[in-house]
Protein backbone atom coordinates (compact mmCIF):
# COMPACT_ATOMS: atom_id res chain seq x y z
CA MET A 1 15.44 30.47 -9.14
CA THR A 2 16.79 32.71 -6.39
CA PHE A 3 18.77 31.26 -3.50
CA ARG A 4 15.74 31.65 -1.23
CA GLN A 5 13.53 29.77 -3.69
CA GLN A 6 16.10 26.98 -4.00
CA LEU A 7 16.38 26.72 -0.22
CA ARG A 8 12.60 26.64 0.14
CA LEU A 9 12.35 23.87 -2.46
CA ALA A 10 15.07 21.85 -0.73
CA VAL A 11 13.33 22.23 2.64
CA THR A 12 9.94 21.39 1.12
CA LEU A 13 11.27 18.10 -0.26
CA ALA A 14 13.41 17.38 2.78
CA ILE A 15 10.73 17.67 5.47
CA PRO A 16 8.57 14.72 4.33
CA ALA A 17 11.72 12.69 3.61
CA ILE A 18 12.96 13.40 7.14
CA LEU A 19 9.60 12.35 8.57
CA ALA A 20 9.76 9.10 6.59
CA GLN A 21 13.25 8.32 7.88
CA LEU A 22 12.31 9.27 11.44
CA SER A 23 9.20 7.07 11.34
CA SER A 24 11.34 4.15 10.24
CA ILE A 25 13.82 4.54 13.07
CA ILE A 26 11.09 5.27 15.60
CA MET A 27 9.68 1.88 14.63
CA GLN A 28 13.04 0.29 15.44
CA TYR A 29 13.19 2.33 18.65
CA ILE A 30 9.78 1.02 19.68
CA ASP A 31 10.81 -2.55 18.83
CA ALA A 32 13.95 -2.22 20.92
CA SER A 33 12.05 -0.61 23.81
CA MET A 34 9.42 -3.36 23.85
CA VAL A 35 12.00 -6.14 23.63
CA GLY A 36 14.11 -4.36 26.24
CA GLN A 37 11.34 -4.98 28.74
CA LEU A 38 11.97 -8.74 28.37
CA GLY A 39 15.51 -8.59 29.78
CA THR A 40 19.16 -8.62 28.73
CA ASP A 41 19.32 -11.86 26.71
CA PRO A 42 16.46 -11.08 24.26
CA ALA A 43 17.93 -7.61 23.65
CA ALA A 44 21.37 -9.13 23.07
CA SER A 45 19.86 -11.66 20.63
CA ILE A 46 18.56 -8.84 18.42
CA GLY A 47 21.75 -6.81 18.77
CA LEU A 48 23.86 -9.76 17.68
CA VAL A 49 22.25 -10.11 14.22
CA SER A 50 21.06 -6.56 13.58
CA THR A 51 24.16 -5.57 11.57
CA SER A 52 23.82 -8.73 9.46
CA LEU A 53 20.21 -7.79 8.69
CA TRP A 54 21.40 -4.33 7.59
CA LEU A 55 23.72 -6.09 5.16
CA PHE A 56 20.84 -8.02 3.58
CA TRP A 57 18.41 -5.09 3.51
CA GLY A 58 21.01 -2.66 2.22
CA THR A 59 22.17 -4.99 -0.54
CA CYS A 60 18.62 -5.17 -1.90
CA SER A 61 17.94 -1.45 -1.49
CA ALA A 62 21.19 -0.51 -3.27
CA LEU A 63 19.93 -2.21 -6.43
CA THR A 64 16.70 -0.19 -6.35
CA VAL A 65 18.64 3.09 -6.10
CA GLY A 66 20.15 2.58 -9.55
CA PHE A 67 16.71 2.32 -11.13
CA SER A 68 15.42 5.33 -9.16
CA VAL A 69 18.33 7.54 -10.24
CA LEU A 70 17.74 6.71 -13.92
CA VAL A 71 14.03 7.45 -13.51
CA SER A 72 14.80 10.84 -11.92
CA HIS A 73 16.97 11.70 -14.94
CA LYS A 74 14.16 10.75 -17.34
CA ILE A 75 11.60 12.76 -15.37
CA GLY A 76 13.93 15.75 -15.35
CA ALA A 77 14.05 15.44 -19.15
CA LYS A 78 10.21 15.01 -19.29
CA ASP A 79 10.61 11.56 -20.87
CA TYR A 80 7.85 9.76 -18.95
CA HIS A 81 7.55 6.90 -21.43
CA SER A 82 11.14 5.84 -20.79
CA ALA A 83 10.67 6.34 -17.05
CA ARG A 84 7.78 3.85 -17.07
CA ASP A 85 9.83 1.35 -19.08
CA ILE A 86 12.56 1.52 -16.45
CA LEU A 87 9.97 1.08 -13.68
CA ARG A 88 8.56 -2.11 -15.23
CA GLN A 89 11.98 -3.70 -15.52
CA ALA A 90 12.90 -2.53 -12.03
CA ILE A 91 9.98 -4.44 -10.50
CA THR A 92 11.03 -7.73 -12.09
CA SER A 93 14.70 -7.24 -11.30
CA THR A 94 14.00 -6.37 -7.66
CA ILE A 95 11.87 -9.48 -7.12
CA ILE A 96 14.46 -11.80 -8.66
CA PHE A 97 17.39 -10.25 -6.83
CA SER A 98 15.66 -10.21 -3.44
CA LEU A 99 14.72 -13.89 -3.79
CA VAL A 100 18.37 -14.77 -4.42
CA ILE A 101 19.43 -12.80 -1.32
CA THR A 102 16.66 -14.51 0.68
CA ALA A 103 18.00 -17.92 -0.32
CA ILE A 104 21.47 -16.95 0.89
CA GLY A 105 20.00 -15.77 4.20
CA LEU A 106 18.12 -19.03 4.73
CA ALA A 107 21.31 -21.00 4.15
CA ILE A 108 23.27 -19.17 6.88
CA ALA A 109 20.51 -18.39 9.42
CA ARG A 110 21.33 -21.22 11.82
CA PRO A 111 25.15 -20.89 12.10
CA LEU A 112 25.29 -17.07 11.79
CA PRO A 113 24.88 -16.17 15.52
CA HIS A 114 27.64 -18.65 16.41
CA TRP A 115 29.92 -17.16 13.73
CA LEU A 116 29.36 -13.75 15.35
CA GLY A 117 30.56 -15.03 18.73
CA GLY A 118 27.17 -15.28 20.47
CA GLY A 119 26.69 -17.61 23.43
CA ASP A 120 24.24 -20.49 23.45
CA ASP A 121 21.86 -18.46 25.64
CA ILE A 122 21.17 -15.93 22.87
CA CYS A 123 21.86 -17.79 19.60
CA LEU A 124 18.47 -19.52 19.27
CA GLY A 125 16.53 -16.28 19.61
CA ALA A 126 18.91 -14.51 17.24
CA THR A 127 18.40 -17.21 14.59
CA ARG A 128 14.62 -16.95 14.77
CA TYR A 129 14.70 -13.16 14.57
CA PHE A 130 17.04 -13.22 11.56
CA LEU A 131 15.10 -15.97 9.79
CA ILE A 132 11.74 -14.17 9.93
CA TYR A 133 13.18 -10.97 8.49
CA VAL A 134 15.02 -12.76 5.70
CA LEU A 135 11.92 -14.73 4.63
CA ALA A 136 10.03 -11.45 4.15
CA LEU A 137 12.87 -9.68 2.29
CA PRO A 138 11.12 -9.34 -1.12
CA MET A 139 8.38 -7.11 0.33
CA PRO A 140 10.68 -4.54 2.01
CA SER A 141 12.72 -4.55 -1.21
CA LEU A 142 9.63 -3.63 -3.24
CA ASN A 143 8.83 -1.02 -0.59
CA TYR A 144 12.29 0.53 -1.08
CA LEU A 145 11.78 0.50 -4.84
CA ALA A 146 8.33 2.08 -4.74
CA GLY A 147 9.39 4.75 -2.27
CA GLY A 148 12.47 5.58 -4.33
CA MET A 149 10.45 5.88 -7.52
CA LEU A 150 7.91 8.19 -5.89
CA ARG A 151 10.71 10.40 -4.54
CA SER A 152 12.34 10.44 -7.99
CA ALA A 153 9.10 11.94 -9.29
CA GLY A 154 9.28 14.61 -6.59
CA ASN A 155 6.56 12.97 -4.47
CA MET A 156 8.01 13.00 -0.95
CA LYS A 157 4.67 13.22 0.83
CA THR A 158 3.15 9.82 -0.02
CA PRO A 159 6.16 7.71 1.09
CA SER A 160 6.35 9.77 4.28
CA ILE A 161 2.69 9.23 5.18
CA LEU A 162 2.86 5.52 4.44
CA ASN A 163 6.06 5.07 6.46
CA ILE A 164 4.43 6.82 9.41
CA LEU A 165 1.48 4.44 9.08
CA MET A 166 3.97 1.55 9.04
CA CYS A 167 5.23 2.77 12.40
CA VAL A 168 1.68 2.77 13.78
CA PHE A 169 1.02 -0.74 12.42
CA ASP A 170 4.26 -1.95 14.00
CA ILE A 171 3.26 -0.66 17.42
CA ILE A 172 -0.12 -2.36 17.20
CA PHE A 173 1.23 -5.71 15.99
CA ASN A 174 4.08 -5.73 18.52
CA PHE A 175 1.73 -4.87 21.35
CA PHE A 176 -0.25 -8.04 20.77
CA LEU A 177 2.52 -10.37 19.55
CA ILE A 178 5.42 -9.74 21.95
CA PHE A 179 3.72 -9.83 25.34
CA PRO A 180 1.42 -12.40 27.03
CA THR A 181 -2.23 -11.83 27.83
CA ARG A 182 -2.36 -9.39 30.76
CA THR A 183 -4.79 -7.29 32.78
CA VAL A 184 -4.31 -3.54 33.10
CA THR A 185 -6.17 -1.15 35.38
CA ILE A 186 -7.29 2.20 34.02
CA ALA A 187 -9.01 4.27 36.72
CA SER A 188 -11.42 1.74 38.21
CA TRP A 189 -11.67 -0.36 35.06
CA GLU A 190 -9.81 -3.63 34.60
CA ILE A 191 -9.13 -4.49 30.98
CA THR A 192 -7.77 -7.81 29.74
CA LEU A 193 -5.44 -7.37 26.78
CA PRO A 194 -4.81 -10.46 24.64
CA GLY A 195 -1.24 -11.36 23.76
CA ALA A 196 0.61 -14.10 21.88
CA ASP A 197 3.65 -14.05 24.24
CA LEU A 198 6.11 -14.60 21.35
CA GLY A 199 8.90 -12.36 22.66
CA ILE A 200 11.51 -11.42 20.06
CA THR A 201 9.79 -13.67 17.52
CA GLY A 202 6.70 -11.50 17.94
CA ALA A 203 8.82 -8.35 17.45
CA ALA A 204 10.08 -9.69 14.12
CA LEU A 205 6.61 -10.80 12.99
CA GLY A 206 5.07 -7.46 13.96
CA THR A 207 7.60 -5.47 11.97
CA VAL A 208 7.34 -7.77 8.95
CA LEU A 209 3.53 -7.52 8.89
CA ALA A 210 3.75 -3.73 9.06
CA GLU A 211 6.25 -3.68 6.17
CA VAL A 212 4.07 -5.96 4.03
CA LEU A 213 1.02 -3.69 4.44
CA THR A 214 3.08 -0.59 3.69
CA ALA A 215 4.70 -2.13 0.61
CA ALA A 216 1.28 -3.08 -0.78
CA ALA A 217 -0.03 0.47 -0.30
CA MET A 218 3.15 2.04 -1.73
CA LEU A 219 3.03 -0.13 -4.84
CA TYR A 220 -0.66 0.61 -5.38
CA TYR A 221 -0.08 4.35 -5.32
CA LEU A 222 2.97 4.14 -7.55
CA LEU A 223 1.45 1.84 -10.18
CA CYS A 224 -2.06 3.25 -10.23
CA ARG A 225 -1.98 6.91 -9.21
CA GLN A 226 1.44 8.55 -9.51
CA LYS A 227 1.46 11.03 -12.37
CA GLY A 228 4.01 10.14 -15.05
CA LEU A 229 4.80 6.70 -13.60
CA ALA A 230 1.43 4.97 -13.19
CA LEU A 231 1.29 1.85 -15.36
CA ARG A 232 -2.49 1.61 -15.66
CA HIS A 233 -3.63 1.77 -19.29
CA THR A 234 -0.04 1.68 -20.54
CA HIS A 235 1.85 -1.08 -22.31
CA GLY A 236 5.41 -2.32 -22.10
CA THR A 237 7.58 -5.26 -21.18
CA PHE A 238 8.57 -6.28 -17.64
CA ARG A 239 11.48 -8.33 -18.97
CA PRO A 240 14.80 -6.75 -17.96
CA SER A 241 17.00 -5.70 -20.88
CA MET A 242 20.76 -6.05 -20.69
CA PRO A 243 21.55 -2.44 -21.74
CA LEU A 244 19.40 -1.11 -18.89
CA ILE A 245 20.79 -3.62 -16.39
CA ARG A 246 24.33 -2.56 -17.31
CA ARG A 247 23.44 1.11 -16.69
CA VAL A 248 21.81 0.26 -13.37
CA LEU A 249 24.77 -1.84 -12.28
CA HIS A 250 27.12 1.02 -13.16
CA ILE A 251 25.30 3.01 -10.45
CA SER A 252 24.21 0.27 -8.05
CA ALA A 253 27.14 -2.17 -8.12
CA PRO A 254 29.58 0.21 -6.38
CA MET A 255 26.88 1.03 -3.82
CA THR A 256 26.14 -2.66 -3.26
CA VAL A 257 29.81 -3.54 -2.81
CA GLU A 258 30.31 -0.50 -0.61
CA HIS A 259 27.32 -1.39 1.55
CA ALA A 260 28.52 -4.97 1.82
CA VAL A 261 32.00 -3.99 2.96
CA ILE A 262 30.66 -1.36 5.37
CA CYS A 263 28.22 -3.85 6.87
CA GLY A 264 31.07 -6.35 6.94
CA ALA A 265 32.97 -3.81 9.03
CA GLN A 266 29.92 -3.32 11.27
CA ILE A 267 29.70 -7.08 11.67
CA MET A 268 33.39 -7.07 12.58
CA ILE A 269 32.58 -4.43 15.20
CA THR A 270 29.89 -6.79 16.54
CA VAL A 271 32.53 -9.52 16.76
CA ILE A 272 34.76 -7.09 18.68
CA VAL A 273 31.91 -6.19 21.05
CA ALA A 274 30.59 -9.76 21.57
CA PRO A 275 33.38 -10.89 23.95
CA LEU A 276 32.55 -7.90 26.19
CA GLY A 277 29.38 -9.74 27.28
CA PRO A 278 25.56 -9.48 26.95
CA VAL A 279 25.42 -6.09 28.68
CA ALA A 280 27.84 -4.55 26.18
CA ILE A 281 26.05 -6.22 23.23
CA ALA A 282 22.66 -4.92 24.39
CA ALA A 283 23.99 -1.43 25.19
CA ASN A 284 25.69 -1.24 21.78
CA SER A 285 22.51 -2.32 19.98
CA PHE A 286 20.23 0.06 21.89
CA ALA A 287 22.65 2.97 21.46
CA ILE A 288 22.83 2.39 17.70
CA THR A 289 19.03 2.54 17.55
CA ALA A 290 18.86 5.64 19.74
CA GLU A 291 21.56 7.43 17.74
CA SER A 292 19.60 6.73 14.56
CA LEU A 293 17.06 9.31 15.70
CA CYS A 294 19.81 11.89 15.11
CA TYR A 295 21.20 10.80 11.78
CA MET A 296 17.99 9.71 10.04
CA PRO A 297 17.09 13.37 9.30
CA GLY A 298 20.39 13.48 7.42
CA TYR A 299 19.32 10.54 5.27
CA GLY A 300 15.99 12.26 4.63
CA ILE A 301 17.78 15.39 3.42
CA GLY A 302 20.09 13.13 1.40
CA ASP A 303 17.03 11.62 -0.33
CA ALA A 304 15.79 15.11 -1.18
CA ALA A 305 19.25 16.03 -2.49
CA THR A 306 19.28 12.95 -4.74
CA THR A 307 15.94 14.00 -6.25
CA LEU A 308 16.90 17.67 -6.73
CA VAL A 309 20.33 16.92 -8.19
CA GLY A 310 19.05 14.04 -10.34
CA GLN A 311 16.26 16.07 -11.93
CA SER A 312 18.54 19.11 -12.39
CA HIS A 313 21.09 16.87 -14.11
CA GLY A 314 18.40 15.35 -16.33
CA ALA A 315 17.25 18.86 -17.27
CA GLY A 316 20.83 19.81 -18.25
CA ARG A 317 21.36 22.41 -15.47
CA PRO A 318 24.84 21.95 -13.95
CA ASP A 319 24.49 25.30 -12.16
CA LEU A 320 21.45 24.02 -10.26
CA VAL A 321 23.24 20.73 -9.57
CA ARG A 322 26.06 22.53 -7.77
CA ARG A 323 23.82 24.93 -5.86
CA PHE A 324 21.39 22.26 -4.71
CA GLY A 325 24.38 20.19 -3.59
CA TYR A 326 25.73 23.00 -1.40
CA ILE A 327 22.31 23.93 -0.02
CA SER A 328 21.44 20.34 0.86
CA VAL A 329 24.72 19.62 2.63
CA GLY A 330 24.54 22.87 4.60
CA LEU A 331 20.96 22.11 5.62
CA GLY A 332 21.87 18.58 6.67
CA MET A 333 24.80 19.73 8.81
CA ALA A 334 22.66 22.37 10.54
CA VAL A 335 19.87 19.92 11.36
CA MET A 336 22.16 17.15 12.59
CA THR A 337 24.23 19.56 14.70
CA PHE A 338 21.02 20.49 16.49
CA MET A 339 20.10 16.81 16.82
CA GLY A 340 23.57 16.08 18.22
CA VAL A 341 22.98 18.61 21.01
CA ILE A 342 19.63 16.97 21.79
CA LEU A 343 21.31 13.55 21.78
CA TYR A 344 23.95 14.65 24.28
CA ILE A 345 21.38 16.13 26.65
CA ALA A 346 18.73 13.42 26.35
CA ALA A 347 21.00 10.33 26.19
CA PRO A 348 20.18 9.01 29.70
CA ALA A 349 16.42 9.44 29.19
CA MET A 350 16.53 7.79 25.76
CA MET A 351 18.34 4.73 27.10
CA HIS A 352 16.10 4.50 30.16
CA ILE A 353 13.06 4.30 27.88
CA MET A 354 14.61 1.45 25.93
CA THR A 355 15.65 -0.77 28.84
CA PRO A 356 14.90 -1.00 32.57
CA VAL A 357 18.31 -2.61 33.20
CA ALA A 358 20.37 0.16 34.84
CA GLU A 359 23.74 -1.28 33.82
CA ILE A 360 22.76 -1.32 30.13
CA SER A 361 21.12 2.11 30.32
CA ASP A 362 24.12 3.81 31.98
CA LEU A 363 26.65 2.35 29.55
CA GLY A 364 24.45 3.23 26.56
CA ALA A 365 24.11 6.85 27.70
CA GLN A 366 27.89 7.21 28.03
CA ILE A 367 28.62 5.97 24.50
CA LEU A 368 25.81 8.08 23.00
CA ARG A 369 27.41 11.21 24.40
CA ILE A 370 30.68 10.23 22.74
CA GLU A 371 28.93 9.85 19.38
CA ALA A 372 27.06 13.18 19.65
CA TRP A 373 30.26 15.10 18.86
CA ALA A 374 30.52 13.47 15.41
CA GLU A 375 27.01 14.31 14.14
CA PRO A 376 27.88 17.46 12.08
CA MET A 377 30.55 15.68 10.03
CA PHE A 378 28.41 12.54 9.79
CA ALA A 379 25.74 14.76 8.21
CA ALA A 380 28.24 16.06 5.66
CA SER A 381 29.09 12.53 4.49
CA ILE A 382 25.44 11.38 4.37
CA VAL A 383 24.04 14.31 2.38
CA ALA A 384 27.06 14.70 0.09
CA TYR A 385 26.68 11.01 -0.72
CA GLY A 386 23.04 11.66 -1.68
CA VAL A 387 24.20 14.51 -3.92
CA PHE A 388 26.69 12.27 -5.72
CA ILE A 389 24.08 9.52 -6.16
CA GLY A 390 21.76 12.02 -7.86
CA MET A 391 24.44 12.43 -10.53
CA GLY A 392 24.90 8.67 -10.83
CA ASP A 393 28.40 9.13 -9.35
CA THR A 394 28.85 6.18 -6.98
CA ILE A 395 32.27 4.58 -7.55
CA MET A 396 34.47 7.17 -5.82
CA PRO A 397 32.05 7.79 -2.89
CA ALA A 398 31.86 4.03 -2.36
CA CYS A 399 35.65 3.82 -2.21
CA MET A 400 35.74 6.73 0.24
CA ASN A 401 33.25 5.06 2.56
CA PHE A 402 35.04 1.73 2.29
CA GLY A 403 38.47 3.18 3.01
CA SER A 404 37.28 5.31 5.90
CA ILE A 405 35.50 2.57 7.84
CA TRP A 406 38.03 -0.22 7.23
CA ILE A 407 41.24 1.78 7.52
CA VAL A 408 40.18 4.07 10.39
CA ARG A 409 37.25 2.63 12.37
CA VAL A 410 37.86 -1.12 12.53
CA PRO A 411 41.57 -1.09 13.54
CA LEU A 412 41.01 1.74 16.03
CA ALA A 413 37.97 -0.03 17.54
CA ALA A 414 39.90 -3.27 17.97
CA LEU A 415 42.74 -1.40 19.66
CA LEU A 416 40.59 0.67 22.02
CA ALA A 417 38.09 -2.10 22.88
CA SER A 418 40.85 -4.13 24.49
CA GLN A 419 41.82 -1.14 26.63
CA ILE A 420 38.60 0.69 27.59
CA GLY A 421 35.83 -1.65 26.42
CA LEU A 422 32.69 -0.46 24.60
CA LYS A 423 33.57 3.21 25.09
CA GLY A 424 36.66 2.64 22.96
CA VAL A 425 34.58 1.20 20.14
CA TRP A 426 32.41 4.33 20.08
CA ILE A 427 35.38 6.68 20.30
CA ALA A 428 36.71 4.94 17.18
CA MET A 429 33.33 5.42 15.51
CA ALA A 430 33.25 9.15 16.30
CA VAL A 431 36.79 9.68 15.01
CA GLU A 432 36.05 7.80 11.78
CA LEU A 433 32.77 9.64 11.09
CA THR A 434 34.52 12.99 11.53
CA PHE A 435 37.26 11.95 9.11
CA ARG A 436 34.69 10.68 6.59
CA GLY A 437 32.75 13.95 6.68
CA LEU A 438 35.88 15.96 6.01
CA ILE A 439 36.87 13.98 2.91
CA PHE A 440 33.31 14.16 1.51
CA LEU A 441 33.23 17.93 2.00
CA LEU A 442 36.59 18.24 0.26
CA ARG A 443 35.33 16.33 -2.76
CA LEU A 444 32.04 18.27 -2.85
CA PHE A 445 33.73 21.67 -2.93
CA ARG A 446 36.37 20.63 -5.45
CA GLY A 447 33.52 20.06 -7.94
CA SER A 448 35.21 17.46 -10.14
CA TRP A 449 32.34 15.04 -9.43
CA ILE A 450 30.01 17.08 -11.67
CA LYS A 451 32.21 16.71 -14.76
CA THR A 452 33.08 13.06 -14.00
CA ALA A 453 29.44 12.02 -13.59
CA SER A 454 28.33 13.99 -16.65
CA ASN A 455 30.94 12.28 -18.83
CA ALA A 456 29.89 8.85 -17.56
CA HIS A 457 26.23 9.66 -18.17
CA HIS A 458 26.80 10.73 -21.77
CA ALA A 459 29.05 7.74 -22.39
C-alpha cells in the first residue's frame, strides 16, 4: 500500500468512528442542555456524580477491549473460528462482570454524593441519577462489547449509525420524560405536548432507554449478520476458559486499573471543585461535556487506529503497524487542533445553549478557552493510546496515564483552586494534558512498543 492508500484507509475507518463518538457526546450535550433549563441545583446534581459514573462505565468497557483486541488479531490472521469462540466467551464474561459492578454501585449509591462533598440540596437528585444508570449497566456494557467487536472486524459504519440513532432516541425520550405537560404555539396552532415532569430522573431514564434499544440492535447485527463473527448456525461454548481470561486480563487489567485511578483523580477534582459552590460544580460539569465535542473525534480516530494496528499485527506486518500508528496520530492531532480553534471561538455560544444562568455560562466559557490550548497534545495521547492497544500493549501506557494525572494534574489543581478557583483547576488540566501528549509522542517515535508487544503476544 502506498502512503496515500494507507491515509485513505485510515480516514475511511476514522470517519464513522468519529461520528459514533460525536453522537455519543452530543447525547450528553443534549441531556445537559435540557437539564440546564431546570436551574442550577439539578445541573449540579448531575455534575457531582458524573465522574463516578465514568468510573463504573469505563471499568466495564475496559474489560470488553481485551476481547476486541484478541478478535482483531484473529481476524487479521483470517482465523474466524477462533474469533467466534472469543466472542462467545466475551458475552458471558461481560454480563457477569457488569452485574458485579452493578452490585457495587447499588451499595454506595446513597452515601456517594455526601462523600463527594455535595450539599443536602443536591444529594437526593444525584443519588437517583446515579442509581438509574448503575441499574442499567449490563446493557451499555454489552453495547460497548458489540461495538468493539464490529470495529475489530473493520465494520465502523454499523456502530456509527446505531449510535446516531441512540442520540435521536435520547432526544425523544428526554423531551417527554424531563419536562411537564405544556402547550406550545406554532404559527396560529396551539399544541399540547405531554410530559412526565421527572426532571433529572427523566434525563437518566431517557438515556438508559436509548442505550437499551441501541444495545439490542447492535447485538442483533453482530450475532446474526456480521461476516466472520455471526454466531447463527455455528456451535461453541459460552463458558469462559481460564487461558483466554488470562490473555484478556493481560490486556484489560492494566486498562481497568488505569481507568480506575484516572477516574479516581477526576473524582478528587470533583471534591476540589465542590467547595467552590453549585455554580462552579455546574460550570465544571457543563464545560466537561462541551469540551467533549472536541476530543471525541480523537477517540474515534483512536478506535480506527486500534483496528488498523491490531489487524496489521495479526497479519504479521510490523511495517504497517508503525506506519498506521504515525498516520493515525498525525490525523488525530490535525483534527483536534482544528476543533480546539472552534472551541475557543464558540465557547460562549456553547455554554449559553447548555444553561440560561449567566453566571454559569460565563465561567464555563472562560475555562473552555483555557482548555482549547491543550487539544493538539491531548489528541496525541488519545490516538497513540489507541495504537498501543491495537498491539495489546497496555501496561506502560496505563502507567503513563496514571503518573501524568496523579503527579501533575491533581496536586496542581489543588494548589491553583485555592488561589484562583475553577480557572486554576482547568489550567492544571491543560498543563497535564500537554505533558501527557509529549510523553506519548516520545514513546511512539522511539518504537520500542512494537517489539515489546510482539514478544508478549508470542509468549
